[in-house]
Amino acid sequence: MLFAVICKDKPGVGLERRLATRPAHLAYLQNLGDQVKCAGGMLAAEGGNPMGSLLIIEADNLELAKAIAAADPYAGAEVFESVEVLPWRPAFGPFKA
């Protein structure tokens, strides 16, 4: 199953913590291998600074997808104000079922 992981940074502290934790975050995603279908930062409309993350991951079930999100170094560094993990079904594009 595919899941969308939608993470929003904490205002005021997210960017600094995000930059400090970024190498560990990228290494974590790399270690997940093919489970990560795509990932990237969501950018603020003004200034273009990161204000969150969006990942599409593959997992056997919702609980496992939530565990993957919780183990992200960004989560451990308390970069995020909120994390939402939702089942996702592609309808168009490279992930079309």
PDB file of N, CA and C in Angstrom:
ATOM      1  N   MET A   1       0.838  -1.181   0.000  1.00  0.00           N
ATOM      2  CA  MET A   1       0.000   0.000   0.000  1.00  0.00           C
ATOM      3  C   MET A   1       0.880   1.241   0.000  1.00  0.00           C
ATOM      4  N   LEU A   2       0.352   2.296  -0.585  1.00  0.00           N
ATOM      5  CA  LEU A   2       1.059   3.572  -0.569  1.00  0.00           C
ATOM      6  C   LEU A   2       0.407   4.506   0.447  1.00  0.00           C
ATOM      7  N   PHE A   3       1.249   5.366   1.037  1.00  0.00           N
ATOM      8  CA  PHE A   3       0.793   6.318   2.038  1.00  0.00           C
ATOM      9  C   PHE A   3       1.425   7.676   1.770  1.00  0.00           C
ATOM     10  N   ALA A   4       0.628   8.717   1.972  1.00  0.00           N
ATOM     11  CA  ALA A   4       1.134  10.086   1.950  1.00  0.00           C
ATOM     12  C   ALA A   4       1.452  10.478   3.388  1.00  0.00           C
ATOM     13  N   VAL A   5       2.654  10.979   3.597  1.00  0.00           N
ATOM     14  CA  VAL A   5       3.074  11.477   4.903  1.00  0.00           C
ATOM     15  C   VAL A   5       3.211  12.986   4.752  1.00  0.00           C
ATOM     16  N   ILE A   6       2.343  13.718   5.424  1.00  0.00           N
ATOM     17  CA  ILE A   6       2.279  15.166   5.304  1.00  0.00           C
ATOM     18  C   ILE A   6       2.723  15.773   6.631  1.00  0.00           C
ATOM     19  N   CYS A   7       3.865  16.456   6.602  1.00  0.00           N
ATOM     20  CA  CYS A   7       4.461  16.985   7.817  1.00  0.00           C
ATOM     21  C   CYS A   7       4.554  18.505   7.717  1.00  0.00           C
ATOM     22  N   LYS A   8       4.119  19.194   8.753  1.00  0.00           N
ATOM     23  CA  LYS A   8       4.197  20.655   8.792  1.00  0.00           C
ATOM     24  C   LYS A   8       5.141  21.066   9.913  1.00  0.00           C
ATOM     25  N   ASP A   9       6.093  21.947   9.580  1.00  0.00           N
ATOM     26  CA  ASP A   9       7.098  22.386  10.543  1.00  0.00           C
ATOM     27  C   ASP A   9       6.489  23.256  11.641  1.00  0.00           C
ATOM     28  N   LYS A  10       7.158  23.241  12.811  1.00  0.00           N
ATOM     29  CA  LYS A  10       6.789  24.136  13.893  1.00  0.00           C
ATOM     30  C   LYS A  10       7.197  25.547  13.503  1.00  0.00           C
ATOM     31  N   PRO A  11       6.284  26.493  13.586  1.00  0.00           N
ATOM     32  CA  PRO A  11       6.646  27.874  13.273  1.00  0.00           C
ATOM     33  C   PRO A  11       7.742  28.377  14.210  1.00  0.00           C
ATOM     34  N   GLY A  12       8.707  29.063  13.639  1.00  0.00           N
ATOM     35  CA  GLY A  12       9.745  29.691  14.445  1.00  0.00           C
ATOM     36  C   GLY A  12      10.936  28.817  14.788  1.00  0.00           C
ATOM     37  N   VAL A  13      10.760  27.504  14.846  1.00  0.00           N
ATOM     38  CA  VAL A  13      11.882  26.628  15.193  1.00  0.00           C
ATOM     39  C   VAL A  13      12.150  25.575  14.124  1.00  0.00           C
ATOM     40  N   GLY A  14      11.184  25.354  13.267  1.00  0.00           N
ATOM     41  CA  GLY A  14      11.311  24.277  12.299  1.00  0.00           C
ATOM     42  C   GLY A  14      12.488  24.416  11.362  1.00  0.00           C
ATOM     43  N   LEU A  15      12.727  25.603  10.814  1.00  0.00           N
ATOM     44  CA  LEU A  15      13.779  25.769   9.810  1.00  0.00           C
ATOM     45  C   LEU A  15      15.155  25.492  10.392  1.00  0.00           C
ATOM     46  N   GLU A  16      15.463  26.060  11.545  1.00  0.00           N
ATOM     47  CA  GLU A  16      16.782  25.850  12.161  1.00  0.00           C
ATOM     48  C   GLU A  16      17.002  24.370  12.484  1.00  0.00           C
ATOM     49  N   ARG A  17      16.025  23.745  13.080  1.00  0.00           N
ATOM     50  CA  ARG A  17      16.148  22.319  13.411  1.00  0.00           C
ATOM     51  C   ARG A  17      16.196  21.465  12.144  1.00  0.00           C
ATOM     52  N   ARG A  18      15.424  21.862  11.143  1.00  0.00           N
ATOM     53  CA  ARG A  18      15.397  21.137   9.868  1.00  0.00           C
ATOM     54  C   ARG A  18      16.800  21.122   9.252  1.00  0.00           C
ATOM     55  N   LEU A  19      17.436  22.279   9.182  1.00  0.00           N
ATOM     56  CA  LEU A  19      18.761  22.363   8.568  1.00  0.00           C
ATOM     57  C   LEU A  19      19.802  21.557   9.343  1.00  0.00           C
ATOM     58  N   ALA A  20      19.726  21.586  10.656  1.00  0.00           N
ATOM     59  CA  ALA A  20      20.679  20.853  11.488  1.00  0.00           C
ATOM     60  C   ALA A  20      20.497  19.338  11.371  1.00  0.00           C
ATOM     61  N   THR A  21      19.274  18.909  11.136  1.00  0.00           N
ATOM     62  CA  THR A  21      18.945  17.478  11.121  1.00  0.00           C
ATOM     63  C   THR A  21      18.905  16.903   9.707  1.00  0.00           C
ATOM     64  N   ARG A  22      18.999  17.745   8.703  1.00  0.00           N
ATOM     65  CA  ARG A  22      18.820  17.308   7.314  1.00  0.00           C
ATOM     66  C   ARG A  22      19.714  16.140   6.908  1.00  0.00           C
ATOM     67  N   PRO A  23      21.024  16.135   7.238  1.00  0.00           N
ATOM     68  CA  PRO A  23      21.849  14.987   6.823  1.00  0.00           C
ATOM     69  C   PRO A  23      21.345  13.654   7.388  1.00  0.00           C
ATOM     70  N   ALA A  24      20.932  13.633   8.647  1.00  0.00           N
ATOM     71  CA  ALA A  24      20.416  12.396   9.243  1.00  0.00           C
ATOM     72  C   ALA A  24      19.089  12.003   8.606  1.00  0.00           C
ATOM     73  N   HIS A  25      18.242  12.985   8.298  1.00  0.00           N
ATOM     74  CA  HIS A  25      16.966  12.730   7.638  1.00  0.00           C
ATOM     75  C   HIS A  25      17.188  12.096   6.263  1.00  0.00           C
ATOM     76  N   LEU A  26      18.083  12.670   5.480  1.00  0.00           N
ATOM     77  CA  LEU A  26      18.347  12.127   4.139  1.00  0.00           C
ATOM     78  C   LEU A  26      18.932  10.724   4.211  1.00  0.00           C
ATOM     79  N   ALA A  27      19.818  10.476   5.173  1.00  0.00           N
ATOM     80  CA  ALA A  27      20.377   9.132   5.351  1.00  0.00           C
ATOM     81  C   ALA A  27      19.283   8.137   5.717  1.00  0.00           C
ATOM     82  N   TYR A  28      18.343   8.551   6.567  1.00  0.00           N
ATOM     83  CA  TYR A  28      17.227   7.690   6.951  1.00  0.00           C
ATOM     84  C   TYR A  28      16.395   7.312   5.733  1.00  0.00           C
ATOM     85  N   LEU A  29      16.055   8.313   4.914  1.00  0.00           N
ATOM     86  CA  LEU A  29      15.269   8.030   3.714  1.00  0.00           C
ATOM     87  C   LEU A  29      16.027   7.100   2.770  1.00  0.00           C
ATOM     88  N   GLN A  30      17.316   7.324   2.623  1.00  0.00           N
ATOM     89  CA  GLN A  30      18.136   6.475   1.752  1.00  0.00           C
ATOM     90  C   GLN A  30      18.115   5.026   2.244  1.00  0.00           C
ATOM     91  N   ASN A  31      18.173   4.848   3.559  1.00  0.00           N
ATOM     92  CA  ASN A  31      18.160   3.493   4.134  1.00  0.00           C
ATOM     93  C   ASN A  31      16.825   2.783   3.930  1.00  0.00           C
ATOM     94  N   LEU A  32      15.749   3.542   3.740  1.00  0.00           N
ATOM     95  CA  LEU A  32      14.449   2.929   3.477  1.00  0.00           C
ATOM     96  C   LEU A  32      14.364   2.365   2.066  1.00  0.00           C
ATOM     97  N   GLY A  33      15.274   2.773   1.199  1.00  0.00           N
ATOM     98  CA  GLY A  33      15.351   2.227  -0.154  1.00  0.00           C
ATOM     99  C   GLY A  33      14.088   2.435  -0.956  1.00  0.00           C
ATOM    100  N   ASP A  34      13.607   1.348  -1.570  1.00  0.00           N
ATOM    101  CA  ASP A  34      12.458   1.409  -2.467  1.00  0.00           C
ATOM    102  C   ASP A  34      11.133   1.716  -1.769  1.00  0.00           C
ATOM    103  N   GLN A  35      11.121   1.699  -0.440  1.00  0.00           N
ATOM    104  CA  GLN A  35       9.882   2.050   0.275  1.00  0.00           C
ATOM    105  C   GLN A  35       9.517   3.517   0.060  1.00  0.00           C
ATOM    106  N   VAL A  36      10.524   4.353  -0.215  1.00  0.00           N
ATOM    107  CA  VAL A  36      10.271   5.773  -0.466  1.00  0.00           C
ATOM    108  C   VAL A  36      10.071   5.949  -1.963  1.00  0.00           C
ATOM    109  N   LYS A  37       8.868   6.328  -2.336  1.00  0.00           N
ATOM    110  CA  LYS A  37       8.547   6.517  -3.755  1.00  0.00           C
ATOM    111  C   LYS A  37       8.913   7.926  -4.205  1.00  0.00           C
ATOM    112  N   CYS A  38       8.701   8.904  -3.341  1.00  0.00           N
ATOM    113  CA  CYS A  38       9.177  10.265  -3.579  1.00  0.00           C
ATOM    114  C   CYS A  38       9.125  11.018  -2.255  1.00  0.00           C
ATOM    115  N   ALA A  39       9.933  12.050  -2.150  1.00  0.00           N
ATOM    116  CA  ALA A  39       9.992  12.834  -0.921  1.00  0.00           C
ATOM    117  C   ALA A  39      10.546  14.206  -1.251  1.00  0.00           C
ATOM    118  N   GLY A  40      10.095  15.195  -0.501  1.00  0.00           N
ATOM    119  CA  GLY A  40      10.627  16.529  -0.695  1.00  0.00           C
ATOM    120  C   GLY A  40      10.032  17.517   0.279  1.00  0.00           C
ATOM    121  N   GLY A  41      10.647  18.687   0.295  1.00  0.00           N
ATOM    122  CA  GLY A  41      10.195  19.748   1.177  1.00  0.00           C
ATOM    123  C   GLY A  41       9.044  20.531   0.567  1.00  0.00           C
ATOM    124  N   MET A  42       8.103  20.900   1.412  1.00  0.00           N
ATOM    125  CA  MET A  42       7.052  21.833   1.000  1.00  0.00           C
ATOM    126  C   MET A  42       7.580  23.227   1.313  1.00  0.00           C
ATOM    127  N   LEU A  43       7.411  24.149   0.357  1.00  0.00           N
ATOM    128  CA  LEU A  43       8.012  25.468   0.487  1.00  0.00           C
ATOM    129  C   LEU A  43       6.964  26.541   0.748  1.00  0.00           C
ATOM    130  N   ALA A  44       7.344  27.515   1.547  1.00  0.00           N
ATOM    131  CA  ALA A  44       6.475  28.656   1.799  1.00  0.00           C
ATOM    132  C   ALA A  44       6.304  29.449   0.508  1.00  0.00           C
ATOM    133  N   ALA A  45       5.106  29.971   0.295  1.00  0.00           N
ATOM    134  CA  ALA A  45       4.819  30.732  -0.921  1.00  0.00           C
ATOM    135  C   ALA A  45       5.709  31.963  -1.024  1.00  0.00           C
ATOM    136  N   GLU A  46       5.993  32.590   0.100  1.00  0.00           N
ATOM    137  CA  GLU A  46       6.863  33.753   0.109  1.00  0.00           C
ATOM    138  C   GLU A  46       8.200  33.373   0.712  1.00  0.00           C
ATOM    139  N   GLY A  47       9.262  33.622  -0.008  1.00  0.00           N
ATOM    140  CA  GLY A  47      10.605  33.337   0.474  1.00  0.00           C
ATOM    141  C   GLY A  47      11.127  31.970   0.093  1.00  0.00           C
ATOM    142  N   GLY A  48      10.240  31.041  -0.194  1.00  0.00           N
ATOM    143  CA  GLY A  48      10.654  29.722  -0.638  1.00  0.00           C
ATOM    144  C   GLY A  48      11.344  28.862   0.406  1.00  0.00           C
ATOM    145  N   ASN A  49      11.255  29.235   1.692  1.00  0.00           N
ATOM    146  CA  ASN A  49      11.871  28.421   2.738  1.00  0.00           C
ATOM    147  C   ASN A  49      11.041  27.177   2.999  1.00  0.00           C
ATOM    148  N   PRO A  50      11.707  26.075   3.379  1.00  0.00           N
ATOM    149  CA  PRO A  50      10.954  24.871   3.728  1.00  0.00           C
ATOM    150  C   PRO A  50      10.008  25.148   4.893  1.00  0.00           C
ATOM    151  N   MET A  51       8.798  24.584   4.782  1.00  0.00           N
ATOM    152  CA  MET A  51       7.817  24.721   5.861  1.00  0.00           C
ATOM    153  C   MET A  51       7.147  23.392   6.182  1.00  0.00           C
ATOM    154  N   GLY A  52       7.695  22.326   5.595  1.00  0.00           N
ATOM    155  CA  GLY A  52       7.168  20.997   5.849  1.00  0.00           C
ATOM    156  C   GLY A  52       7.749  19.993   4.883  1.00  0.00           C
ATOM    157  N   SER A  53       7.262  18.781   4.967  1.00  0.00           N
ATOM    158  CA  SER A  53       7.724  17.697   4.108  1.00  0.00           C
ATOM    159  C   SER A  53       6.536  16.902   3.590  1.00  0.00           C
ATOM    160  N   LEU A  54       6.709  16.344   2.405  1.00  0.00           N
ATOM    161  CA  LEU A  54       5.719  15.445   1.825  1.00  0.00           C
ATOM    162  C   LEU A  54       6.452  14.213   1.328  1.00  0.00           C
ATOM    163  N   LEU A  55       6.008  13.053   1.768  1.00  0.00           N
ATOM    164  CA  LEU A  55       6.599  11.791   1.337  1.00  0.00           C
ATOM    165  C   LEU A  55       5.497  10.869   0.849  1.00  0.00           C
ATOM    166  N   ILE A  56       5.811  10.091  -0.148  1.00  0.00           N
ATOM    167  CA  ILE A  56       4.969   8.972  -0.555  1.00  0.00           C
ATOM    168  C   ILE A  56       5.792   7.727  -0.253  1.00  0.00           C
ATOM    169  N   ILE A  57       5.262   6.892   0.640  1.00  0.00           N
ATOM    170  CA  ILE A  57       5.988   5.694   1.045  1.00  0.00           C
ATOM    171  C   ILE A  57       5.127   4.459   0.844  1.00  0.00           C
ATOM    172  N   GLU A  58       5.802   3.328   0.744  1.00  0.00           N
ATOM    173  CA  GLU A  58       5.107   2.047   0.653  1.00  0.00           C
ATOM    174  C   GLU A  58       5.290   1.307   1.967  1.00  0.00           C
ATOM    175  N   ALA A  59       4.195   0.773   2.491  1.00  0.00           N
ATOM    176  CA  ALA A  59       4.219  -0.006   3.729  1.00  0.00           C
ATOM    177  C   ALA A  59       3.085  -1.012   3.683  1.00  0.00           C
ATOM    178  N   ASP A  60       3.193  -2.047   4.501  1.00  0.00           N
ATOM    179  CA  ASP A  60       2.181  -3.097   4.524  1.00  0.00           C
ATOM    180  C   ASP A  60       0.852  -2.634   5.102  1.00  0.00           C
ATOM    181  N   ASN A  61       0.908  -1.655   6.019  1.00  0.00           N
ATOM    182  CA  ASN A  61      -0.319  -1.182   6.653  1.00  0.00           C
ATOM    183  C   ASN A  61      -0.092   0.207   7.255  1.00  0.00           C
ATOM    184  N   LEU A  62      -1.166   0.812   7.729  1.00  0.00           N
ATOM    185  CA  LEU A  62      -1.101   2.161   8.270  1.00  0.00           C
ATOM    186  C   LEU A  62      -0.197   2.239   9.494  1.00  0.00           C
ATOM    187  N   GLU A  63      -0.247   1.248  10.356  1.00  0.00           N
ATOM    188  CA  GLU A  63       0.573   1.267  11.568  1.00  0.00           C
ATOM    189  C   GLU A  63       2.056   1.293  11.230  1.00  0.00           C
ATOM    190  N   LEU A  64       2.458   0.509  10.237  1.00  0.00           N
ATOM    191  CA  LEU A  64       3.859   0.490   9.819  1.00  0.00           C
ATOM    192  C   LEU A  64       4.242   1.822   9.179  1.00  0.00           C
ATOM    193  N   ALA A  65       3.359   2.393   8.384  1.00  0.00           N
ATOM    194  CA  ALA A  65       3.630   3.696   7.769  1.00  0.00           C
ATOM    195  C   ALA A  65       3.812   4.766   8.849  1.00  0.00           C
ATOM    196  N   LYS A  66       2.988   4.728   9.884  1.00  0.00           N
ATOM    197  CA  LYS A  66       3.123   5.680  10.988  1.00  0.00           C
ATOM    198  C   LYS A  66       4.435   5.465  11.738  1.00  0.00           C
ATOM    199  N   ALA A  67       4.850   4.218  11.893  1.00  0.00           N
ATOM    200  CA  ALA A  67       6.113   3.930  12.566  1.00  0.00           C
ATOM    201  C   ALA A  67       7.298   4.454  11.747  1.00  0.00           C
ATOM    202  N   ILE A  68       7.217   4.324  10.434  1.00  0.00           N
ATOM    203  CA  ILE A  68       8.275   4.860   9.561  1.00  0.00           C
ATOM    204  C   ILE A  68       8.357   6.370   9.729  1.00  0.00           C
ATOM    205  N   ALA A  69       7.221   7.047   9.737  1.00  0.00           N
ATOM    206  CA  ALA A  69       7.201   8.499   9.906  1.00  0.00           C
ATOM    207  C   ALA A  69       7.751   8.902  11.279  1.00  0.00           C
ATOM    208  N   ALA A  70       7.390   8.163  12.309  1.00  0.00           N
ATOM    209  CA  ALA A  70       7.823   8.489  13.669  1.00  0.00           C
ATOM    210  C   ALA A  70       9.320   8.284  13.865  1.00  0.00           C
ATOM    211  N   ALA A  71       9.928   7.390  13.093  1.00  0.00           N
ATOM    212  CA  ALA A  71      11.358   7.110  13.222  1.00  0.00           C
ATOM    213  C   ALA A  71      12.233   8.086  12.432  1.00  0.00           C
ATOM    214  N   ASP A  72      11.631   8.956  11.658  1.00  0.00           N
ATOM    215  CA  ASP A  72      12.376   9.954  10.887  1.00  0.00           C
ATOM    216  C   ASP A  72      13.125  10.870  11.854  1.00  0.00           C
ATOM    217  N   PRO A  73      14.405  11.137  11.605  1.00  0.00           N
ATOM    218  CA  PRO A  73      15.146  12.048  12.485  1.00  0.00           C
ATOM    219  C   PRO A  73      14.502  13.423  12.646  1.00  0.00           C
ATOM    220  N   TYR A  74      13.796  13.907  11.640  1.00  0.00           N
ATOM    221  CA  TYR A  74      13.082  15.172  11.793  1.00  0.00           C
ATOM    222  C   TYR A  74      12.052  15.076  12.912  1.00  0.00           C
ATOM    223  N   ALA A  75      11.359  13.949  13.005  1.00  0.00           N
ATOM    224  CA  ALA A  75      10.376  13.767  14.074  1.00  0.00           C
ATOM    225  C   ALA A  75      11.071  13.769  15.435  1.00  0.00           C
ATOM    226  N   GLY A  76      12.197  13.065  15.526  1.00  0.00           N
ATOM    227  CA  GLY A  76      12.946  13.010  16.781  1.00  0.00           C
ATOM    228  C   GLY A  76      13.490  14.358  17.210  1.00  0.00           C
ATOM    229  N   ALA A  77      13.810  15.214  16.246  1.00  0.00           N
ATOM    230  CA  ALA A  77      14.331  16.552  16.544  1.00  0.00           C
ATOM    231  C   ALA A  77      13.209  17.561  16.766  1.00  0.00           C
ATOM    232  N   GLU A  78      11.980  17.099  16.733  1.00  0.00           N
ATOM    233  CA  GLU A  78      10.802  17.938  16.943  1.00  0.00           C
ATOM    234  C   GLU A  78      10.731  19.099  15.945  1.00  0.00           C
ATOM    235  N   VAL A  79      11.053  18.786  14.690  1.00  0.00           N
ATOM    236  CA  VAL A  79      10.916  19.761  13.614  1.00  0.00           C
ATOM    237  C   VAL A  79       9.440  20.007  13.317  1.00  0.00           C
ATOM    238  N   PHE A  80       8.640  18.959  13.426  1.00  0.00           N
ATOM    239  CA  PHE A  80       7.266  19.036  12.956  1.00  0.00           C
ATOM    240  C   PHE A  80       6.273  19.446  14.035  1.00  0.00           C
ATOM    241  N   GLU A  81       5.345  20.298  13.627  1.00  0.00           N
ATOM    242  CA  GLU A  81       4.202  20.644  14.459  1.00  0.00           C
ATOM    243  C   GLU A  81       3.126  19.559  14.334  1.00  0.00           C
ATOM    244  N   SER A  82       3.019  19.001  13.119  1.00  0.00           N
ATOM    245  CA  SER A  82       2.025  17.954  12.887  1.00  0.00           C
ATOM    246  C   SER A  82       2.525  16.986  11.822  1.00  0.00           C
ATOM    247  N   VAL A  83       2.085  15.746  11.945  1.00  0.00           N
ATOM    248  CA  VAL A  83       2.379  14.698  10.964  1.00  0.00           C
ATOM    249  C   VAL A  83       1.083  13.947  10.719  1.00  0.00           C
ATOM    250  N   GLU A  84       0.705  13.859   9.447  1.00  0.00           N
ATOM    251  CA  GLU A  84      -0.499  13.124   9.074  1.00  0.00           C
ATOM    252  C   GLU A  84      -0.093  12.023   8.102  1.00  0.00           C
ATOM    253  N   VAL A  85      -0.519  10.816   8.368  1.00  0.00           N
ATOM    254  CA  VAL A  85      -0.212   9.673   7.506  1.00  0.00           C
ATOM    255  C   VAL A  85      -1.544   9.130   6.989  1.00  0.00           C
ATOM    256  N   LEU A  86      -1.697   9.153   5.671  1.00  0.00           N
ATOM    257  CA  LEU A  86      -2.965   8.760   5.052  1.00  0.00           C
ATOM    258  C   LEU A  86      -2.738   7.746   3.943  1.00  0.00           C
ATOM    259  N   PRO A  87      -3.596   6.734   3.840  1.00  0.00           N
ATOM    260  CA  PRO A  87      -3.528   5.860   2.669  1.00  0.00           C
ATOM    261  C   PRO A  87      -3.676   6.713   1.412  1.00  0.00           C
ATOM    262  N   TRP A  88      -2.942   6.338   0.383  1.00  0.00           N
ATOM    263  CA  TRP A  88      -2.936   7.139  -0.848  1.00  0.00           C
ATOM    264  C   TRP A  88      -3.071   6.211  -2.046  1.00  0.00           C
ATOM    265  N   ARG A  89      -3.941   6.587  -2.968  1.00  0.00           N
ATOM    266  CA  ARG A  89      -4.144   5.802  -4.183  1.00  0.00           C
ATOM    267  C   ARG A  89      -3.850   6.692  -5.378  1.00  0.00           C
ATOM    268  N   PRO A  90      -2.819   6.368  -6.127  1.00  0.00           N
ATOM    269  CA  PRO A  90      -2.492   7.181  -7.295  1.00  0.00           C
ATOM    270  C   PRO A  90      -3.537   6.982  -8.400  1.00  0.00           C
ATOM    271  N   ALA A  91      -3.820   8.058  -9.114  1.00  0.00           N
ATOM    272  CA  ALA A  91      -4.770   8.007 -10.205  1.00  0.00           C
ATOM    273  C   ALA A  91      -4.143   8.402 -11.542  1.00  0.00           C
ATOM    274  N   PHE A  92      -3.013   9.089 -11.475  1.00  0.00           N
ATOM    275  CA  PHE A  92      -2.386   9.586 -12.692  1.00  0.00           C
ATOM    276  C   PHE A  92      -0.904   9.777 -12.434  1.00  0.00           C
ATOM    277  N   GLY A  93      -0.085   9.608 -13.449  1.00  0.00           N
ATOM    278  CA  GLY A  93       1.337   9.860 -13.321  1.00  0.00           C
ATOM    279  C   GLY A  93       2.140   8.584 -13.069  1.00  0.00           C
ATOM    280  N   PRO A  94       3.396   8.758 -12.634  1.00  0.00           N
ATOM    281  CA  PRO A  94       4.307   7.616 -12.532  1.00  0.00           C
ATOM    282  C   PRO A  94       3.911   6.564 -11.500  1.00  0.00           C
ATOM    283  N   PHE A  95       3.049   6.910 -10.548  1.00  0.00           N
ATOM    284  CA  PHE A  95       2.652   5.955  -9.525  1.00  0.00           C
ATOM    285  C   PHE A  95       1.305   5.313  -9.814  1.00  0.00           C
ATOM    286  N   LYS A  96       0.754   5.546 -10.988  1.00  0.00           N
ATOM    287  CA  LYS A  96      -0.569   5.016 -11.323  1.00  0.00           C
ATOM    288  C   LYS A  96      -0.614   3.510 -11.119  1.00  0.00           C
ATOM    289  N   ALA A  97      -1.652   3.053 -10.427  1.00  0.00           N
ATOM    290  CA  ALA A  97      -1.791   1.624 -10.120  1.00  0.00           C
ATOM    291  C   ALA A  97      -2.173   0.831 -11.341  1.00  0.00           C
TER     292      ALA A  97
END
